[in-house]
Every structure is written in C-alpha cells, then in structure tokens.
Amino acid sequence: MSMPFSYKPLWKLLIDKEMNKKRLMELTGISKSTVDKMYRGENVSLEVIDRICRQLDCDISDVVSYRRD
C-alpha cells in the first residue's frame, strides 16, 4: 500500500530553482537515503520537511502534497 503523500511539488521546485538533489542535501544536511525515501514516496520526518522549507524559503505545500484515494 502506497502512502497518500507525494513529494512531486519538491521535485518541481528543485527544477524551478535549477537545483539538483545533491545541492538539496548539502543545504539541508539530509542524507541520500532520506532523499531516496522521498523519491520513492515513503514517509520522512517533519524535521526533514522543516529543514527543506527553511532552506528553500517555501511552504510545506511546496514540498509535499496529499493524494486522496
């Protein structure tokens, strides 16, 4: 069963900012395994989401979306 959350908004935001995943990891201090989890649509902590929002100066809705099944 897949999680009802999607990180597609984050991947679009990175494209808009011309930023790759490696740079995201450098700025936020999150690990490659955490980024990989997000890429697979798995759960990550709100601390990770907070770091991303702070560093990219964005809102949580710019990082994750909720899909209703």
PDB file of N, CA and C in Angstrom:
ATOM      1  N   MET A   1       0.841  -1.184   0.000  1.00  0.00           N
ATOM      2  CA  MET A   1       0.000   0.000   0.000  1.00  0.00           C
ATOM      3  C   MET A   1       0.887   1.249   0.000  1.00  0.00           C
ATOM      4  N   SER A   2       0.669   2.117  -0.943  1.00  0.00           N
ATOM      5  CA  SER A   2       1.474   3.334  -1.025  1.00  0.00           C
ATOM      6  C   SER A   2       0.921   4.404  -0.088  1.00  0.00           C
ATOM      7  N   MET A   3       1.811   5.307   0.289  1.00  0.00           N
ATOM      8  CA  MET A   3       1.423   6.385   1.189  1.00  0.00           C
ATOM      9  C   MET A   3       0.633   7.431   0.399  1.00  0.00           C
ATOM     10  N   PRO A   4      -0.264   8.138   1.061  1.00  0.00           N
ATOM     11  CA  PRO A   4      -1.073   9.125   0.346  1.00  0.00           C
ATOM     12  C   PRO A   4      -0.354  10.460   0.137  1.00  0.00           C
ATOM     13  N   PHE A   5       0.953  10.489   0.403  1.00  0.00           N
ATOM     14  CA  PHE A   5       1.698  11.727   0.241  1.00  0.00           C
ATOM     15  C   PHE A   5       2.606  11.655  -0.972  1.00  0.00           C
ATOM     16  N   SER A   6       2.770  12.782  -1.624  1.00  0.00           N
ATOM     17  CA  SER A   6       3.628  12.861  -2.801  1.00  0.00           C
ATOM     18  C   SER A   6       4.608  14.018  -2.623  1.00  0.00           C
ATOM     19  N   TYR A   7       5.846  13.793  -3.040  1.00  0.00           N
ATOM     20  CA  TYR A   7       6.865  14.838  -2.990  1.00  0.00           C
ATOM     21  C   TYR A   7       7.087  15.477  -4.364  1.00  0.00           C
ATOM     22  N   LYS A   8       6.153  15.257  -5.279  1.00  0.00           N
ATOM     23  CA  LYS A   8       6.274  15.859  -6.612  1.00  0.00           C
ATOM     24  C   LYS A   8       6.429  17.376  -6.556  1.00  0.00           C
ATOM     25  N   PRO A   9       5.731  18.060  -5.630  1.00  0.00           N
ATOM     26  CA  PRO A   9       5.949  19.512  -5.564  1.00  0.00           C
ATOM     27  C   PRO A   9       7.405  19.875  -5.286  1.00  0.00           C
ATOM     28  N   LEU A  10       8.097  19.081  -4.479  1.00  0.00           N
ATOM     29  CA  LEU A  10       9.508  19.345  -4.194  1.00  0.00           C
ATOM     30  C   LEU A  10      10.353  19.181  -5.438  1.00  0.00           C
ATOM     31  N   TRP A  11      10.135  18.114  -6.190  1.00  0.00           N
ATOM     32  CA  TRP A  11      10.943  17.884  -7.400  1.00  0.00           C
ATOM     33  C   TRP A  11      10.705  18.998  -8.417  1.00  0.00           C
ATOM     34  N   LYS A  12       9.474  19.477  -8.518  1.00  0.00           N
ATOM     35  CA  LYS A  12       9.184  20.602  -9.416  1.00  0.00           C
ATOM     36  C   LYS A  12       9.870  21.876  -8.930  1.00  0.00           C
ATOM     37  N   LEU A  13       9.856  22.082  -7.607  1.00  0.00           N
ATOM     38  CA  LEU A  13      10.506  23.260  -7.030  1.00  0.00           C
ATOM     39  C   LEU A  13      12.007  23.237  -7.301  1.00  0.00           C
ATOM     40  N   LEU A  14      12.623  22.074  -7.169  1.00  0.00           N
ATOM     41  CA  LEU A  14      14.061  21.972  -7.445  1.00  0.00           C
ATOM     42  C   LEU A  14      14.362  22.310  -8.902  1.00  0.00           C
ATOM     43  N   ILE A  15      13.513  21.853  -9.791  1.00  0.00           N
ATOM     44  CA  ILE A  15      13.691  22.180 -11.216  1.00  0.00           C
ATOM     45  C   ILE A  15      13.570  23.688 -11.413  1.00  0.00           C
ATOM     46  N   ASP A  16      12.562  24.295 -10.809  1.00  0.00           N
ATOM     47  CA  ASP A  16      12.361  25.741 -10.936  1.00  0.00           C
ATOM     48  C   ASP A  16      13.557  26.518 -10.395  1.00  0.00           C
ATOM     49  N   LYS A  17      14.177  26.007  -9.335  1.00  0.00           N
ATOM     50  CA  LYS A  17      15.320  26.683  -8.733  1.00  0.00           C
ATOM     51  C   LYS A  17      16.651  26.243  -9.355  1.00  0.00           C
ATOM     52  N   GLU A  18      16.555  25.381 -10.385  1.00  0.00           N
ATOM     53  CA  GLU A  18      17.737  24.839 -11.057  1.00  0.00           C
ATOM     54  C   GLU A  18      18.708  24.233 -10.032  1.00  0.00           C
ATOM     55  N   MET A  19      18.131  23.414  -9.151  1.00  0.00           N
ATOM     56  CA  MET A  19      18.886  22.779  -8.079  1.00  0.00           C
ATOM     57  C   MET A  19      18.762  21.265  -8.205  1.00  0.00           C
ATOM     58  N   ASN A  20      19.860  20.565  -7.972  1.00  0.00           N
ATOM     59  CA  ASN A  20      19.801  19.111  -8.003  1.00  0.00           C
ATOM     60  C   ASN A  20      19.685  18.550  -6.582  1.00  0.00           C
ATOM     61  N   LYS A  21      19.467  17.243  -6.499  1.00  0.00           N
ATOM     62  CA  LYS A  21      19.283  16.605  -5.197  1.00  0.00           C
ATOM     63  C   LYS A  21      20.533  16.718  -4.332  1.00  0.00           C
ATOM     64  N   LYS A  22      21.690  16.659  -4.963  1.00  0.00           N
ATOM     65  CA  LYS A  22      22.939  16.766  -4.205  1.00  0.00           C
ATOM     66  C   LYS A  22      23.028  18.121  -3.505  1.00  0.00           C
ATOM     67  N   ARG A  23      22.679  19.179  -4.209  1.00  0.00           N
ATOM     68  CA  ARG A  23      22.707  20.521  -3.608  1.00  0.00           C
ATOM     69  C   ARG A  23      21.674  20.627  -2.489  1.00  0.00           C
ATOM     70  N   LEU A  24      20.502  20.017  -2.683  1.00  0.00           N
ATOM     71  CA  LEU A  24      19.487  19.994  -1.633  1.00  0.00           C
ATOM     72  C   LEU A  24      20.055  19.345  -0.376  1.00  0.00           C
ATOM     73  N   MET A  25      20.762  18.225  -0.545  1.00  0.00           N
ATOM     74  CA  MET A  25      21.353  17.531   0.601  1.00  0.00           C
ATOM     75  C   MET A  25      22.405  18.397   1.289  1.00  0.00           C
ATOM     76  N   GLU A  26      23.208  19.109   0.501  1.00  0.00           N
ATOM     77  CA  GLU A  26      24.235  19.988   1.069  1.00  0.00           C
ATOM     78  C   GLU A  26      23.613  21.114   1.885  1.00  0.00           C
ATOM     79  N   LEU A  27      22.574  21.723   1.353  1.00  0.00           N
ATOM     80  CA  LEU A  27      21.931  22.852   2.031  1.00  0.00           C
ATOM     81  C   LEU A  27      21.196  22.442   3.306  1.00  0.00           C
ATOM     82  N   THR A  28      20.572  21.283   3.279  1.00  0.00           N
ATOM     83  CA  THR A  28      19.698  20.884   4.378  1.00  0.00           C
ATOM     84  C   THR A  28      20.354  19.930   5.368  1.00  0.00           C
ATOM     85  N   GLY A  29      21.423  19.274   4.961  1.00  0.00           N
ATOM     86  CA  GLY A  29      22.051  18.288   5.831  1.00  0.00           C
ATOM     87  C   GLY A  29      21.301  16.968   5.892  1.00  0.00           C
ATOM     88  N   ILE A  30      20.353  16.753   4.970  1.00  0.00           N
ATOM     89  CA  ILE A  30      19.657  15.467   4.959  1.00  0.00           C
ATOM     90  C   ILE A  30      20.460  14.465   4.135  1.00  0.00           C
ATOM     91  N   SER A  31      20.303  13.203   4.480  1.00  0.00           N
ATOM     92  CA  SER A  31      21.114  12.152   3.864  1.00  0.00           C
ATOM     93  C   SER A  31      20.549  11.714   2.509  1.00  0.00           C
ATOM     94  N   LYS A  32      21.398  11.030   1.756  1.00  0.00           N
ATOM     95  CA  LYS A  32      20.976  10.487   0.473  1.00  0.00           C
ATOM     96  C   LYS A  32      19.858   9.471   0.678  1.00  0.00           C
ATOM     97  N   SER A  33      19.955   8.678   1.741  1.00  0.00           N
ATOM     98  CA  SER A  33      18.908   7.674   1.990  1.00  0.00           C
ATOM     99  C   SER A  33      17.555   8.340   2.253  1.00  0.00           C
ATOM    100  N   THR A  34      17.562   9.506   2.897  1.00  0.00           N
ATOM    101  CA  THR A  34      16.314  10.236   3.133  1.00  0.00           C
ATOM    102  C   THR A  34      15.758  10.774   1.817  1.00  0.00           C
ATOM    103  N   VAL A  35      16.615  11.320   0.987  1.00  0.00           N
ATOM    104  CA  VAL A  35      16.168  11.804  -0.326  1.00  0.00           C
ATOM    105  C   VAL A  35      15.635  10.646  -1.158  1.00  0.00           C
ATOM    106  N   ASP A  36      16.307   9.506  -1.075  1.00  0.00           N
ATOM    107  CA  ASP A  36      15.834   8.321  -1.798  1.00  0.00           C
ATOM    108  C   ASP A  36      14.445   7.894  -1.308  1.00  0.00           C
ATOM    109  N   LYS A  37      14.223   7.955   0.007  1.00  0.00           N
ATOM    110  CA  LYS A  37      12.904   7.621   0.555  1.00  0.00           C
ATOM    111  C   LYS A  37      11.847   8.556  -0.004  1.00  0.00           C
ATOM    112  N   MET A  38      12.177   9.830  -0.081  1.00  0.00           N
ATOM    113  CA  MET A  38      11.224  10.798  -0.619  1.00  0.00           C
ATOM    114  C   MET A  38      10.958  10.512  -2.094  1.00  0.00           C
ATOM    115  N   TYR A  39      11.996  10.164  -2.825  1.00  0.00           N
ATOM    116  CA  TYR A  39      11.839   9.869  -4.250  1.00  0.00           C
ATOM    117  C   TYR A  39      10.911   8.669  -4.457  1.00  0.00           C
ATOM    118  N   ARG A  40      10.962   7.723  -3.520  1.00  0.00           N
ATOM    119  CA  ARG A  40      10.086   6.542  -3.589  1.00  0.00           C
ATOM    120  C   ARG A  40       8.709   6.808  -2.993  1.00  0.00           C
ATOM    121  N   GLY A  41       8.489   8.017  -2.455  1.00  0.00           N
ATOM    122  CA  GLY A  41       7.199   8.365  -1.892  1.00  0.00           C
ATOM    123  C   GLY A  41       6.972   7.821  -0.493  1.00  0.00           C
ATOM    124  N   GLU A  42       8.054   7.519   0.208  1.00  0.00           N
ATOM    125  CA  GLU A  42       7.948   6.988   1.569  1.00  0.00           C
ATOM    126  C   GLU A  42       7.924   8.128   2.582  1.00  0.00           C
ATOM    127  N   ASN A  43       7.539   7.802   3.793  1.00  0.00           N
ATOM    128  CA  ASN A  43       7.458   8.801   4.864  1.00  0.00           C
ATOM    129  C   ASN A  43       8.836   9.278   5.303  1.00  0.00           C
ATOM    130  N   VAL A  44       8.917  10.556   5.588  1.00  0.00           N
ATOM    131  CA  VAL A  44      10.094  11.141   6.240  1.00  0.00           C
ATOM    132  C   VAL A  44       9.573  11.999   7.391  1.00  0.00           C
ATOM    133  N   SER A  45      10.456  12.343   8.306  1.00  0.00           N
ATOM    134  CA  SER A  45      10.027  13.101   9.481  1.00  0.00           C
ATOM    135  C   SER A  45       9.683  14.547   9.116  1.00  0.00           C
ATOM    136  N   LEU A  46       8.896  15.149   9.975  1.00  0.00           N
ATOM    137  CA  LEU A  46       8.578  16.560   9.786  1.00  0.00           C
ATOM    138  C   LEU A  46       9.822  17.422   9.974  1.00  0.00           C
ATOM    139  N   GLU A  47      10.797  16.930  10.712  1.00  0.00           N
ATOM    140  CA  GLU A  47      12.062  17.660  10.859  1.00  0.00           C
ATOM    141  C   GLU A  47      12.730  17.835   9.492  1.00  0.00           C
ATOM    142  N   VAL A  48      12.683  16.807   8.677  1.00  0.00           N
ATOM    143  CA  VAL A  48      13.251  16.876   7.320  1.00  0.00           C
ATOM    144  C   VAL A  48      12.483  17.908   6.495  1.00  0.00           C
ATOM    145  N   ILE A  49      11.168  17.851   6.552  1.00  0.00           N
ATOM    146  CA  ILE A  49      10.336  18.804   5.816  1.00  0.00           C
ATOM    147  C   ILE A  49      10.635  20.228   6.290  1.00  0.00           C
ATOM    148  N   ASP A  50      10.799  20.399   7.589  1.00  0.00           N
ATOM    149  CA  ASP A  50      11.127  21.708   8.161  1.00  0.00           C
ATOM    150  C   ASP A  50      12.451  22.226   7.616  1.00  0.00           C
ATOM    151  N   ARG A  51      13.460  21.380   7.581  1.00  0.00           N
ATOM    152  CA  ARG A  51      14.771  21.805   7.055  1.00  0.00           C
ATOM    153  C   ARG A  51      14.667  22.266   5.602  1.00  0.00           C
ATOM    154  N   ILE A  52      13.906  21.507   4.827  1.00  0.00           N
ATOM    155  CA  ILE A  52      13.740  21.854   3.411  1.00  0.00           C
ATOM    156  C   ILE A  52      13.018  23.189   3.279  1.00  0.00           C
ATOM    157  N   CYS A  53      11.927  23.351   4.013  1.00  0.00           N
ATOM    158  CA  CYS A  53      11.156  24.596   3.939  1.00  0.00           C
ATOM    159  C   CYS A  53      11.996  25.801   4.354  1.00  0.00           C
ATOM    160  N   ARG A  54      12.788  25.652   5.407  1.00  0.00           N
ATOM    161  CA  ARG A  54      13.635  26.754   5.875  1.00  0.00           C
ATOM    162  C   ARG A  54      14.696  27.126   4.839  1.00  0.00           C
ATOM    163  N   GLN A  55      15.369  26.117   4.298  1.00  0.00           N
ATOM    164  CA  GLN A  55      16.468  26.378   3.368  1.00  0.00           C
ATOM    165  C   GLN A  55      15.991  26.885   2.008  1.00  0.00           C
ATOM    166  N   LEU A  56      14.844  26.399   1.565  1.00  0.00           N
ATOM    167  CA  LEU A  56      14.330  26.812   0.255  1.00  0.00           C
ATOM    168  C   LEU A  56      13.347  27.964   0.373  1.00  0.00           C
ATOM    169  N   ASP A  57      13.109  28.429   1.611  1.00  0.00           N
ATOM    170  CA  ASP A  57      12.188  29.532   1.872  1.00  0.00           C
ATOM    171  C   ASP A  57      10.843  29.283   1.191  1.00  0.00           C
ATOM    172  N   CYS A  58      10.247  28.145   1.552  1.00  0.00           N
ATOM    173  CA  CYS A  58       8.978  27.766   0.936  1.00  0.00           C
ATOM    174  C   CYS A  58       8.033  27.221   1.992  1.00  0.00           C
ATOM    175  N   ASP A  59       6.822  26.920   1.575  1.00  0.00           N
ATOM    176  CA  ASP A  59       5.786  26.387   2.448  1.00  0.00           C
ATOM    177  C   ASP A  59       5.743  24.872   2.300  1.00  0.00           C
ATOM    178  N   ILE A  60       5.170  24.196   3.270  1.00  0.00           N
ATOM    179  CA  ILE A  60       5.082  22.732   3.217  1.00  0.00           C
ATOM    180  C   ILE A  60       4.360  22.255   1.951  1.00  0.00           C
ATOM    181  N   SER A  61       3.407  23.025   1.472  1.00  0.00           N
ATOM    182  CA  SER A  61       2.687  22.637   0.251  1.00  0.00           C
ATOM    183  C   SER A  61       3.569  22.712  -0.994  1.00  0.00           C
ATOM    184  N   ASP A  62       4.720  23.380  -0.880  1.00  0.00           N
ATOM    185  CA  ASP A  62       5.682  23.412  -1.975  1.00  0.00           C
ATOM    186  C   ASP A  62       6.580  22.175  -1.967  1.00  0.00           C
ATOM    187  N   VAL A  63       6.456  21.378  -0.909  1.00  0.00           N
ATOM    188  CA  VAL A  63       7.313  20.197  -0.741  1.00  0.00           C
ATOM    189  C   VAL A  63       6.525  18.899  -0.860  1.00  0.00           C
ATOM    190  N   VAL A  64       5.363  18.876  -0.249  1.00  0.00           N
ATOM    191  CA  VAL A  64       4.587  17.625  -0.202  1.00  0.00           C
ATOM    192  C   VAL A  64       3.107  17.929  -0.471  1.00  0.00           C
ATOM    193  N   SER A  65       2.460  16.977  -1.118  1.00  0.00           N
ATOM    194  CA  SER A  65       1.024  17.100  -1.348  1.00  0.00           C
ATOM    195  C   SER A  65       0.342  15.827  -0.854  1.00  0.00           C
ATOM    196  N   TYR A  66      -0.929  15.949  -0.561  1.00  0.00           N
ATOM    197  CA  TYR A  66      -1.729  14.821  -0.083  1.00  0.00           C
ATOM    198  C   TYR A  66      -2.637  14.362  -1.198  1.00  0.00           C
ATOM    199  N   ARG A  67      -2.585  13.067  -1.490  1.00  0.00           N
ATOM    200  CA  ARG A  67      -3.439  12.489  -2.530  1.00  0.00           C
ATOM    201  C   ARG A  67      -4.571  11.725  -1.868  1.00  0.00           C
ATOM    202  N   ARG A  68      -5.764  12.114  -2.171  1.00  0.00           N
ATOM    203  CA  ARG A  68      -6.921  11.371  -1.646  1.00  0.00           C
ATOM    204  C   ARG A  68      -7.195  10.201  -2.559  1.00  0.00           C
ATOM    205  N   ASP A  69      -7.339   9.046  -1.963  1.00  0.00           N
ATOM    206  CA  ASP A  69      -7.629   7.835  -2.764  1.00  0.00           C
ATOM    207  C   ASP A  69      -9.109   7.656  -2.994  1.00  0.00           C
TER     208      ASP A  69
END
